[in-house]
Amino acid sequence: MLRRMVLLSVAASLVAAPMAWGAEAPVAKVPEGTELLIRFNDRLSSGTNSAGDQFSITLDEDVRLADGTVVKAGYRGKGEVTDAKKKGFMGQAGELNIRLNYLRVGDARVRLRASKGGEGKGAMGATIALTVLFGPLGLLKRGHDIEIKPGQTLTAYADQDALLPLPLPPPPED
């Protein structure tokens, strides 16, 4: 009797095992190139930031995927300053270049493809005019730093296909 129960138990587990192994958790696919509106959470400036500084970003608008899954606004991620040059004398403008790295949706990361670079307003014309009027003191005229303010947005794209386990966890609260 015991032997028969053991055989039935083994047979039942062999029948159930392929079902358990073959059952994959449902996922939603964020295809490469999916457009995402990203909001900056931190103030960035060519005058205060330097290469390597990290900053936080947030998905600003819901994204509807092809299968109908909605990735809700509010998921957070990281970006990085790739280059920063402070404003200089003689009207030289500041420069700031950044890269958006990823958004985190639960335990999954959606790699991003986006970069932004800019240069502050230069003041070369004013420097020349001041130098003509006041001599070498005119060379002390400074350019402007470039800033990215919290709340400013930028369009980014999924850099590669990303698989998000379903159901999606809610975005973090502010």
N, C-alpha and C. Protein backbone atom coordinates (compact mmCIF):
# COMPACT_ATOMS: atom_id res chain seq x y z
N MET A 1 0.82 -1.19 0.00
CA MET A 1 0.00 0.00 0.00
C MET A 1 0.87 1.26 0.00
N LEU A 2 1.87 1.26 0.86
CA LEU A 2 2.77 2.40 0.94
C LEU A 2 3.52 2.58 -0.38
N ARG A 3 3.89 1.46 -0.96
CA ARG A 3 4.61 1.50 -2.23
C ARG A 3 3.71 2.09 -3.33
N ARG A 4 2.46 1.74 -3.32
CA ARG A 4 1.52 2.25 -4.31
C ARG A 4 1.31 3.76 -4.14
N MET A 5 1.24 4.23 -2.91
CA MET A 5 1.07 5.66 -2.63
C MET A 5 2.30 6.45 -3.10
N VAL A 6 3.48 5.87 -2.88
CA VAL A 6 4.72 6.52 -3.31
C VAL A 6 4.74 6.61 -4.83
N LEU A 7 4.35 5.53 -5.52
CA LEU A 7 4.33 5.54 -6.98
C LEU A 7 3.32 6.56 -7.51
N LEU A 8 2.15 6.64 -6.91
CA LEU A 8 1.15 7.63 -7.32
C LEU A 8 1.65 9.05 -7.08
N SER A 9 2.32 9.25 -5.98
CA SER A 9 2.86 10.57 -5.65
C SER A 9 3.93 10.99 -6.65
N VAL A 10 4.82 10.06 -7.00
CA VAL A 10 5.87 10.34 -7.98
C VAL A 10 5.26 10.61 -9.34
N ALA A 11 4.27 9.81 -9.73
CA ALA A 11 3.61 10.00 -11.03
C ALA A 11 2.91 11.36 -11.08
N ALA A 12 2.24 11.73 -10.02
CA ALA A 12 1.55 13.02 -9.98
C ALA A 12 2.54 14.17 -10.09
N SER A 13 3.67 14.07 -9.43
CA SER A 13 4.65 15.16 -9.51
C SER A 13 5.30 15.22 -10.89
N LEU A 14 5.46 14.08 -11.55
CA LEU A 14 6.02 14.11 -12.90
C LEU A 14 5.05 14.74 -13.89
N VAL A 15 3.77 14.54 -13.70
CA VAL A 15 2.75 15.13 -14.57
C VAL A 15 2.66 16.63 -14.31
N ALA A 16 2.73 17.05 -13.05
CA ALA A 16 2.58 18.47 -12.69
C ALA A 16 3.84 19.27 -12.98
N ALA A 17 5.01 18.63 -12.93
CA ALA A 17 6.27 19.35 -13.08
C ALA A 17 6.39 20.08 -14.41
N PRO A 18 6.09 19.44 -15.56
CA PRO A 18 6.22 20.18 -16.82
C PRO A 18 5.31 21.40 -16.87
N MET A 19 4.14 21.30 -16.24
CA MET A 19 3.24 22.45 -16.23
C MET A 19 3.87 23.60 -15.46
N ALA A 20 4.50 23.28 -14.33
CA ALA A 20 5.11 24.34 -13.52
C ALA A 20 6.32 24.93 -14.24
N TRP A 21 7.13 24.05 -14.89
CA TRP A 21 8.31 24.53 -15.57
C TRP A 21 7.94 25.33 -16.81
N GLY A 22 6.91 24.90 -17.52
CA GLY A 22 6.52 25.57 -18.76
C GLY A 22 5.74 26.86 -18.53
N ALA A 23 5.21 27.05 -17.34
CA ALA A 23 4.41 28.25 -17.06
C ALA A 23 5.35 29.42 -16.82
N GLU A 24 5.34 30.35 -17.74
CA GLU A 24 6.18 31.53 -17.59
C GLU A 24 5.34 32.68 -17.05
N ALA A 25 5.96 33.51 -16.25
CA ALA A 25 5.26 34.68 -15.72
C ALA A 25 4.95 35.62 -16.88
N PRO A 26 3.77 36.22 -16.88
CA PRO A 26 3.43 37.15 -17.96
C PRO A 26 4.31 38.40 -17.91
N VAL A 27 4.64 38.90 -19.08
CA VAL A 27 5.47 40.10 -19.17
C VAL A 27 4.88 41.06 -20.20
N ALA A 28 5.22 42.33 -20.03
CA ALA A 28 4.88 43.35 -21.03
C ALA A 28 6.19 43.78 -21.67
N LYS A 29 6.16 43.95 -22.97
CA LYS A 29 7.38 44.33 -23.69
C LYS A 29 7.34 45.81 -24.03
N VAL A 30 8.40 46.51 -23.62
CA VAL A 30 8.61 47.90 -24.03
C VAL A 30 9.57 47.82 -25.21
N PRO A 31 9.08 47.99 -26.44
CA PRO A 31 9.96 47.83 -27.60
C PRO A 31 11.01 48.95 -27.71
N GLU A 32 12.14 48.59 -28.27
CA GLU A 32 13.16 49.59 -28.55
C GLU A 32 12.53 50.72 -29.36
N GLY A 33 12.87 51.96 -29.02
CA GLY A 33 12.36 53.11 -29.74
C GLY A 33 11.07 53.69 -29.16
N THR A 34 10.50 53.03 -28.13
CA THR A 34 9.28 53.57 -27.50
C THR A 34 9.58 54.96 -26.94
N GLU A 35 8.71 55.91 -27.26
CA GLU A 35 8.91 57.30 -26.83
C GLU A 35 8.42 57.47 -25.39
N LEU A 36 9.24 58.13 -24.57
CA LEU A 36 8.94 58.35 -23.16
C LEU A 36 9.22 59.82 -22.83
N LEU A 37 8.26 60.49 -22.21
CA LEU A 37 8.47 61.88 -21.79
C LEU A 37 9.03 61.85 -20.37
N ILE A 38 10.22 62.39 -20.20
CA ILE A 38 10.96 62.33 -18.95
C ILE A 38 11.02 63.72 -18.32
N ARG A 39 10.82 63.78 -16.98
CA ARG A 39 10.89 65.04 -16.23
C ARG A 39 12.12 65.01 -15.33
N PHE A 40 12.84 66.12 -15.30
CA PHE A 40 14.00 66.26 -14.42
C PHE A 40 13.51 66.59 -13.01
N ASN A 41 14.09 65.93 -12.00
CA ASN A 41 13.71 66.19 -10.61
C ASN A 41 14.70 67.11 -9.91
N ASP A 42 15.90 67.22 -10.44
CA ASP A 42 16.96 68.00 -9.80
C ASP A 42 17.35 69.20 -10.66
N ARG A 43 17.88 70.20 -10.01
CA ARG A 43 18.42 71.37 -10.72
C ARG A 43 19.83 71.02 -11.17
N LEU A 44 20.11 71.25 -12.43
CA LEU A 44 21.44 71.02 -12.98
C LEU A 44 21.96 72.33 -13.54
N SER A 45 23.24 72.58 -13.37
CA SER A 45 23.84 73.81 -13.85
C SER A 45 25.29 73.58 -14.23
N SER A 46 25.70 74.25 -15.29
CA SER A 46 27.12 74.15 -15.69
C SER A 46 28.01 74.80 -14.63
N GLY A 47 27.44 75.65 -13.79
CA GLY A 47 28.22 76.31 -12.74
C GLY A 47 28.41 75.47 -11.50
N THR A 48 27.53 74.49 -11.25
CA THR A 48 27.62 73.71 -10.01
C THR A 48 27.86 72.23 -10.23
N ASN A 49 27.49 71.70 -11.38
CA ASN A 49 27.66 70.26 -11.62
C ASN A 49 28.94 69.97 -12.37
N SER A 50 29.38 68.72 -12.26
CA SER A 50 30.57 68.29 -13.00
C SER A 50 30.34 66.90 -13.56
N ALA A 51 31.18 66.49 -14.47
CA ALA A 51 31.06 65.18 -15.13
C ALA A 51 31.00 64.08 -14.07
N GLY A 52 30.06 63.14 -14.26
CA GLY A 52 29.90 62.04 -13.32
C GLY A 52 28.79 62.26 -12.30
N ASP A 53 28.33 63.49 -12.12
CA ASP A 53 27.23 63.74 -11.19
C ASP A 53 25.98 63.01 -11.67
N GLN A 54 25.27 62.36 -10.76
CA GLN A 54 24.03 61.68 -11.10
C GLN A 54 22.85 62.54 -10.67
N PHE A 55 21.73 62.37 -11.35
CA PHE A 55 20.52 63.11 -11.02
C PHE A 55 19.32 62.19 -11.24
N SER A 56 18.18 62.55 -10.63
CA SER A 56 17.00 61.71 -10.74
C SER A 56 16.02 62.25 -11.78
N ILE A 57 15.31 61.31 -12.40
CA ILE A 57 14.34 61.64 -13.43
C ILE A 57 13.06 60.86 -13.13
N THR A 58 11.94 61.28 -13.74
CA THR A 58 10.64 60.63 -13.55
C THR A 58 9.92 60.54 -14.88
N LEU A 59 9.21 59.43 -15.11
CA LEU A 59 8.35 59.30 -16.28
C LEU A 59 7.21 60.29 -16.08
N ASP A 60 7.04 61.23 -17.02
CA ASP A 60 6.09 62.33 -16.85
C ASP A 60 4.69 62.03 -17.36
N GLU A 61 4.56 61.11 -18.33
CA GLU A 61 3.25 60.78 -18.89
C GLU A 61 3.11 59.26 -18.98
N ASP A 62 1.85 58.77 -18.85
CA ASP A 62 1.59 57.34 -19.03
C ASP A 62 2.02 56.93 -20.44
N VAL A 63 2.44 55.66 -20.58
CA VAL A 63 2.82 55.10 -21.88
C VAL A 63 1.98 53.85 -22.11
N ARG A 64 1.23 53.81 -23.20
CA ARG A 64 0.43 52.64 -23.55
C ARG A 64 1.24 51.77 -24.50
N LEU A 65 1.44 50.51 -24.11
CA LEU A 65 2.21 49.57 -24.92
C LEU A 65 1.28 48.87 -25.92
N ALA A 66 1.86 48.19 -26.89
CA ALA A 66 1.10 47.54 -27.96
C ALA A 66 0.10 46.52 -27.43
N ASP A 67 0.43 45.84 -26.31
CA ASP A 67 -0.48 44.83 -25.77
C ASP A 67 -1.56 45.43 -24.88
N GLY A 68 -1.60 46.75 -24.77
CA GLY A 68 -2.61 47.43 -23.97
C GLY A 68 -2.16 47.76 -22.56
N THR A 69 -1.01 47.24 -22.13
CA THR A 69 -0.48 47.55 -20.80
C THR A 69 -0.16 49.04 -20.73
N VAL A 70 -0.50 49.66 -19.61
CA VAL A 70 -0.19 51.08 -19.41
C VAL A 70 0.90 51.19 -18.35
N VAL A 71 2.01 51.81 -18.73
CA VAL A 71 3.08 52.10 -17.78
C VAL A 71 2.75 53.50 -17.25
N LYS A 72 2.37 53.55 -15.99
CA LYS A 72 1.90 54.80 -15.39
C LYS A 72 3.04 55.80 -15.17
N ALA A 73 2.70 57.06 -15.29
CA ALA A 73 3.65 58.14 -14.97
C ALA A 73 4.07 58.00 -13.50
N GLY A 74 5.29 58.39 -13.20
CA GLY A 74 5.77 58.40 -11.82
C GLY A 74 6.93 57.48 -11.55
N TYR A 75 7.23 56.53 -12.47
CA TYR A 75 8.40 55.68 -12.25
C TYR A 75 9.65 56.54 -12.34
N ARG A 76 10.64 56.20 -11.53
CA ARG A 76 11.84 57.03 -11.44
C ARG A 76 13.05 56.33 -12.04
N GLY A 77 14.06 57.13 -12.32
CA GLY A 77 15.29 56.60 -12.88
C GLY A 77 16.45 57.54 -12.63
N LYS A 78 17.53 57.31 -13.36
CA LYS A 78 18.76 58.08 -13.18
C LYS A 78 19.31 58.58 -14.50
N GLY A 79 20.00 59.68 -14.40
CA GLY A 79 20.76 60.24 -15.51
C GLY A 79 22.12 60.67 -14.98
N GLU A 80 22.96 61.13 -15.88
CA GLU A 80 24.32 61.48 -15.50
C GLU A 80 24.82 62.67 -16.30
N VAL A 81 25.56 63.55 -15.63
CA VAL A 81 26.21 64.66 -16.30
C VAL A 81 27.46 64.09 -16.98
N THR A 82 27.58 64.29 -18.29
CA THR A 82 28.74 63.75 -19.01
C THR A 82 29.83 64.79 -19.20
N ASP A 83 29.45 66.07 -19.17
CA ASP A 83 30.44 67.14 -19.31
C ASP A 83 29.84 68.43 -18.81
N ALA A 84 30.62 69.22 -18.10
CA ALA A 84 30.16 70.52 -17.63
C ALA A 84 31.35 71.49 -17.59
N LYS A 85 31.13 72.65 -18.15
CA LYS A 85 32.15 73.71 -18.12
C LYS A 85 31.50 74.98 -17.63
N LYS A 86 32.10 75.58 -16.63
CA LYS A 86 31.57 76.81 -16.06
C LYS A 86 31.74 77.97 -17.02
N LYS A 87 30.89 78.97 -16.83
CA LYS A 87 31.03 80.18 -17.64
C LYS A 87 32.42 80.77 -17.38
N GLY A 88 32.92 81.48 -18.36
CA GLY A 88 34.26 82.03 -18.22
C GLY A 88 34.31 83.52 -18.49
N PHE A 89 35.49 84.06 -18.37
CA PHE A 89 35.70 85.48 -18.67
C PHE A 89 35.71 85.68 -20.18
N MET A 90 35.75 86.90 -20.60
CA MET A 90 35.74 87.28 -22.01
C MET A 90 34.47 86.79 -22.69
N GLY A 91 33.37 86.68 -21.93
CA GLY A 91 32.08 86.33 -22.49
C GLY A 91 31.89 84.87 -22.81
N GLN A 92 32.79 84.01 -22.34
CA GLN A 92 32.69 82.58 -22.66
C GLN A 92 31.49 81.97 -21.92
N ALA A 93 30.61 81.30 -22.67
CA ALA A 93 29.40 80.69 -22.10
C ALA A 93 29.72 79.37 -21.41
N GLY A 94 28.88 78.99 -20.44
CA GLY A 94 29.00 77.69 -19.79
C GLY A 94 28.47 76.60 -20.72
N GLU A 95 28.81 75.34 -20.42
CA GLU A 95 28.38 74.22 -21.25
C GLU A 95 27.99 73.06 -20.34
N LEU A 96 26.89 72.38 -20.68
CA LEU A 96 26.40 71.26 -19.88
C LEU A 96 25.88 70.17 -20.81
N ASN A 97 26.40 68.96 -20.65
CA ASN A 97 25.95 67.80 -21.43
C ASN A 97 25.52 66.71 -20.46
N ILE A 98 24.36 66.10 -20.73
CA ILE A 98 23.83 65.05 -19.85
C ILE A 98 23.42 63.85 -20.67
N ARG A 99 23.23 62.72 -19.97
CA ARG A 99 22.73 61.50 -20.59
C ARG A 99 21.68 60.92 -19.64
N LEU A 100 20.54 60.46 -20.19
CA LEU A 100 19.54 59.76 -19.39
C LEU A 100 19.86 58.27 -19.47
N ASN A 101 19.99 57.61 -18.32
CA ASN A 101 20.44 56.22 -18.30
C ASN A 101 19.29 55.21 -18.30
N TYR A 102 18.38 55.30 -17.32
CA TYR A 102 17.34 54.29 -17.22
C TYR A 102 16.17 54.76 -16.37
N LEU A 103 15.03 54.07 -16.54
CA LEU A 103 13.88 54.17 -15.65
C LEU A 103 13.74 52.82 -14.97
N ARG A 104 13.39 52.83 -13.70
CA ARG A 104 13.17 51.58 -12.96
C ARG A 104 11.67 51.36 -12.82
N VAL A 105 11.20 50.20 -13.31
CA VAL A 105 9.80 49.81 -13.18
C VAL A 105 9.80 48.52 -12.37
N GLY A 106 9.52 48.63 -11.08
CA GLY A 106 9.67 47.48 -10.18
C GLY A 106 11.13 47.10 -10.12
N ASP A 107 11.43 45.82 -10.42
CA ASP A 107 12.83 45.37 -10.42
C ASP A 107 13.47 45.46 -11.80
N ALA A 108 12.70 45.85 -12.81
CA ALA A 108 13.22 45.92 -14.18
C ALA A 108 13.70 47.34 -14.49
N ARG A 109 14.65 47.40 -15.39
CA ARG A 109 15.17 48.70 -15.86
C ARG A 109 14.86 48.85 -17.34
N VAL A 110 14.40 50.04 -17.70
CA VAL A 110 14.20 50.38 -19.10
C VAL A 110 15.35 51.31 -19.45
N ARG A 111 16.30 50.81 -20.24
CA ARG A 111 17.45 51.63 -20.66
C ARG A 111 16.96 52.72 -21.59
N LEU A 112 17.48 53.93 -21.42
CA LEU A 112 17.04 55.07 -22.22
C LEU A 112 18.10 55.54 -23.19
N ARG A 113 17.63 56.12 -24.26
CA ARG A 113 18.50 56.73 -25.26
C ARG A 113 18.06 58.18 -25.38
N ALA A 114 18.81 59.04 -24.77
CA ALA A 114 18.53 60.47 -24.85
C ALA A 114 19.73 61.20 -24.30
N SER A 115 20.01 62.30 -24.90
CA SER A 115 21.07 63.15 -24.37
C SER A 115 20.69 64.58 -24.67
N LYS A 116 21.22 65.45 -23.89
CA LYS A 116 20.94 66.87 -24.08
C LYS A 116 22.22 67.61 -23.80
N GLY A 117 22.51 68.53 -24.67
CA GLY A 117 23.68 69.36 -24.47
C GLY A 117 23.28 70.78 -24.75
N GLY A 118 23.96 71.70 -24.12
CA GLY A 118 23.64 73.08 -24.37
C GLY A 118 24.74 73.99 -23.91
N GLU A 119 24.63 75.18 -24.37
CA GLU A 119 25.62 76.20 -24.05
C GLU A 119 24.87 77.41 -23.56
N GLY A 120 25.37 78.01 -22.51
CA GLY A 120 24.76 79.23 -21.99
C GLY A 120 24.94 80.37 -22.97
N LYS A 121 24.30 81.46 -22.67
CA LYS A 121 24.38 82.63 -23.55
C LYS A 121 25.76 83.27 -23.41
N GLY A 122 26.41 83.42 -24.53
CA GLY A 122 27.72 84.07 -24.53
C GLY A 122 27.56 85.58 -24.53
N ALA A 123 28.63 86.26 -24.20
CA ALA A 123 28.59 87.71 -24.14
C ALA A 123 29.79 88.30 -24.87
N MET A 124 30.18 87.68 -25.98
CA MET A 124 31.37 88.12 -26.71
C MET A 124 31.20 89.54 -27.25
N GLY A 125 30.01 89.82 -27.81
CA GLY A 125 29.77 91.17 -28.35
C GLY A 125 29.88 92.23 -27.27
N ALA A 126 29.30 91.95 -26.11
CA ALA A 126 29.38 92.90 -24.99
C ALA A 126 30.81 93.04 -24.51
N THR A 127 31.57 91.95 -24.51
CA THR A 127 32.96 91.98 -24.08
C THR A 127 33.78 92.88 -25.01
N ILE A 128 33.56 92.74 -26.31
CA ILE A 128 34.30 93.57 -27.27
C ILE A 128 33.96 95.04 -27.06
N ALA A 129 32.66 95.34 -26.89
CA ALA A 129 32.24 96.73 -26.68
C ALA A 129 32.85 97.29 -25.40
N LEU A 130 32.84 96.50 -24.32
CA LEU A 130 33.39 96.97 -23.05
C LEU A 130 34.90 97.16 -23.14
N THR A 131 35.58 96.30 -23.90
CA THR A 131 37.02 96.42 -24.05
C THR A 131 37.36 97.70 -24.81
N VAL A 132 36.58 98.03 -25.83
CA VAL A 132 36.80 99.26 -26.59
C VAL A 132 36.59 100.47 -25.68
N LEU A 133 35.54 100.42 -24.86
CA LEU A 133 35.21 101.57 -23.99
C LEU A 133 36.13 101.67 -22.78
N PHE A 134 36.43 100.55 -22.14
CA PHE A 134 37.15 100.60 -20.86
C PHE A 134 38.51 99.92 -20.88
N GLY A 135 38.99 99.50 -22.02
CA GLY A 135 40.31 98.86 -22.10
C GLY A 135 40.26 97.45 -21.54
N PRO A 136 41.35 96.99 -20.95
CA PRO A 136 41.45 95.60 -20.48
C PRO A 136 40.37 95.21 -19.45
N LEU A 137 39.79 96.16 -18.74
CA LEU A 137 38.75 95.82 -17.78
C LEU A 137 37.54 95.18 -18.46
N GLY A 138 37.31 95.47 -19.72
CA GLY A 138 36.20 94.88 -20.46
C GLY A 138 36.33 93.38 -20.60
N LEU A 139 37.54 92.84 -20.48
CA LEU A 139 37.76 91.40 -20.61
C LEU A 139 37.22 90.64 -19.39
N LEU A 140 36.84 91.35 -18.34
CA LEU A 140 36.30 90.71 -17.14
C LEU A 140 34.83 90.33 -17.30
N LYS A 141 34.18 90.74 -18.37
CA LYS A 141 32.78 90.40 -18.62
C LYS A 141 32.66 88.88 -18.71
N ARG A 142 31.68 88.32 -17.99
CA ARG A 142 31.50 86.86 -17.96
C ARG A 142 30.30 86.43 -18.80
N GLY A 143 30.35 85.20 -19.31
CA GLY A 143 29.22 84.61 -20.03
C GLY A 143 28.19 84.11 -19.03
N HIS A 144 27.29 83.25 -19.48
CA HIS A 144 26.23 82.73 -18.62
C HIS A 144 26.34 81.21 -18.51
N ASP A 145 25.95 80.68 -17.33
CA ASP A 145 25.87 79.24 -17.15
C ASP A 145 24.58 78.74 -17.79
N ILE A 146 24.55 77.46 -18.12
CA ILE A 146 23.32 76.85 -18.62
C ILE A 146 22.69 76.08 -17.46
N GLU A 147 21.36 76.08 -17.40
CA GLU A 147 20.63 75.41 -16.33
C GLU A 147 19.53 74.53 -16.88
N ILE A 148 19.30 73.43 -16.19
CA ILE A 148 18.11 72.61 -16.40
C ILE A 148 17.38 72.64 -15.07
N LYS A 149 16.15 73.12 -15.09
CA LYS A 149 15.40 73.30 -13.86
C LYS A 149 14.52 72.10 -13.56
N PRO A 150 14.26 71.83 -12.27
CA PRO A 150 13.32 70.75 -11.93
C PRO A 150 11.98 70.99 -12.63
N GLY A 151 11.41 69.92 -13.16
CA GLY A 151 10.13 70.03 -13.86
C GLY A 151 10.29 70.15 -15.37
N GLN A 152 11.49 70.50 -15.84
CA GLN A 152 11.73 70.58 -17.28
C GLN A 152 11.65 69.17 -17.86
N THR A 153 11.13 69.03 -19.09
CA THR A 153 10.96 67.70 -19.68
C THR A 153 11.83 67.52 -20.93
N LEU A 154 12.01 66.25 -21.28
CA LEU A 154 12.80 65.87 -22.44
C LEU A 154 12.24 64.54 -22.96
N THR A 155 12.14 64.39 -24.27
CA THR A 155 11.69 63.13 -24.86
C THR A 155 12.88 62.18 -24.95
N ALA A 156 12.66 60.96 -24.43
CA ALA A 156 13.68 59.92 -24.49
C ALA A 156 13.06 58.71 -25.20
N TYR A 157 13.90 57.74 -25.53
CA TYR A 157 13.45 56.54 -26.23
C TYR A 157 14.04 55.32 -25.53
N ALA A 158 13.29 54.20 -25.53
CA ALA A 158 13.81 52.94 -25.00
C ALA A 158 15.00 52.54 -25.88
N ASP A 159 16.13 52.29 -25.27
CA ASP A 159 17.36 51.99 -26.01
C ASP A 159 17.39 50.56 -26.53
N GLN A 160 16.64 49.68 -25.87
CA GLN A 160 16.56 48.29 -26.27
C GLN A 160 15.25 47.73 -25.74
N ASP A 161 14.82 46.59 -26.27
CA ASP A 161 13.60 45.97 -25.76
C ASP A 161 13.76 45.72 -24.26
N ALA A 162 12.69 45.98 -23.51
CA ALA A 162 12.71 45.72 -22.07
C ALA A 162 11.46 44.90 -21.73
N LEU A 163 11.64 43.87 -20.93
CA LEU A 163 10.53 43.03 -20.49
C LEU A 163 10.18 43.38 -19.05
N LEU A 164 8.91 43.74 -18.82
CA LEU A 164 8.44 44.14 -17.50
C LEU A 164 7.52 43.06 -16.96
N PRO A 165 7.86 42.44 -15.82
CA PRO A 165 6.97 41.42 -15.24
C PRO A 165 5.62 42.02 -14.87
N LEU A 166 4.54 41.27 -15.21
CA LEU A 166 3.19 41.71 -14.88
C LEU A 166 2.72 40.99 -13.62
N PRO A 167 1.87 41.57 -12.85
CA PRO A 167 1.35 42.94 -12.99
C PRO A 167 2.43 43.95 -12.58
N LEU A 168 2.36 45.13 -13.18
CA LEU A 168 3.32 46.18 -12.87
C LEU A 168 3.06 46.71 -11.45
N PRO A 169 4.11 46.90 -10.68
CA PRO A 169 3.91 47.52 -9.36
C PRO A 169 3.55 49.00 -9.57
N PRO A 170 2.88 49.60 -8.61
CA PRO A 170 2.57 51.03 -8.77
C PRO A 170 3.85 51.86 -8.72
N PRO A 171 3.84 53.03 -9.38
CA PRO A 171 5.01 53.91 -9.28
C PRO A 171 5.21 54.38 -7.85
N PRO A 172 6.43 54.73 -7.48
CA PRO A 172 6.67 55.22 -6.13
C PRO A 172 5.90 56.52 -5.87
N GLU A 173 5.52 56.71 -4.62
CA GLU A 173 4.83 57.95 -4.26
C GLU A 173 5.84 59.06 -4.10
N ASP A 174 5.39 60.28 -4.35
CA ASP A 174 6.29 61.43 -4.22
C ASP A 174 6.70 61.71 -2.81
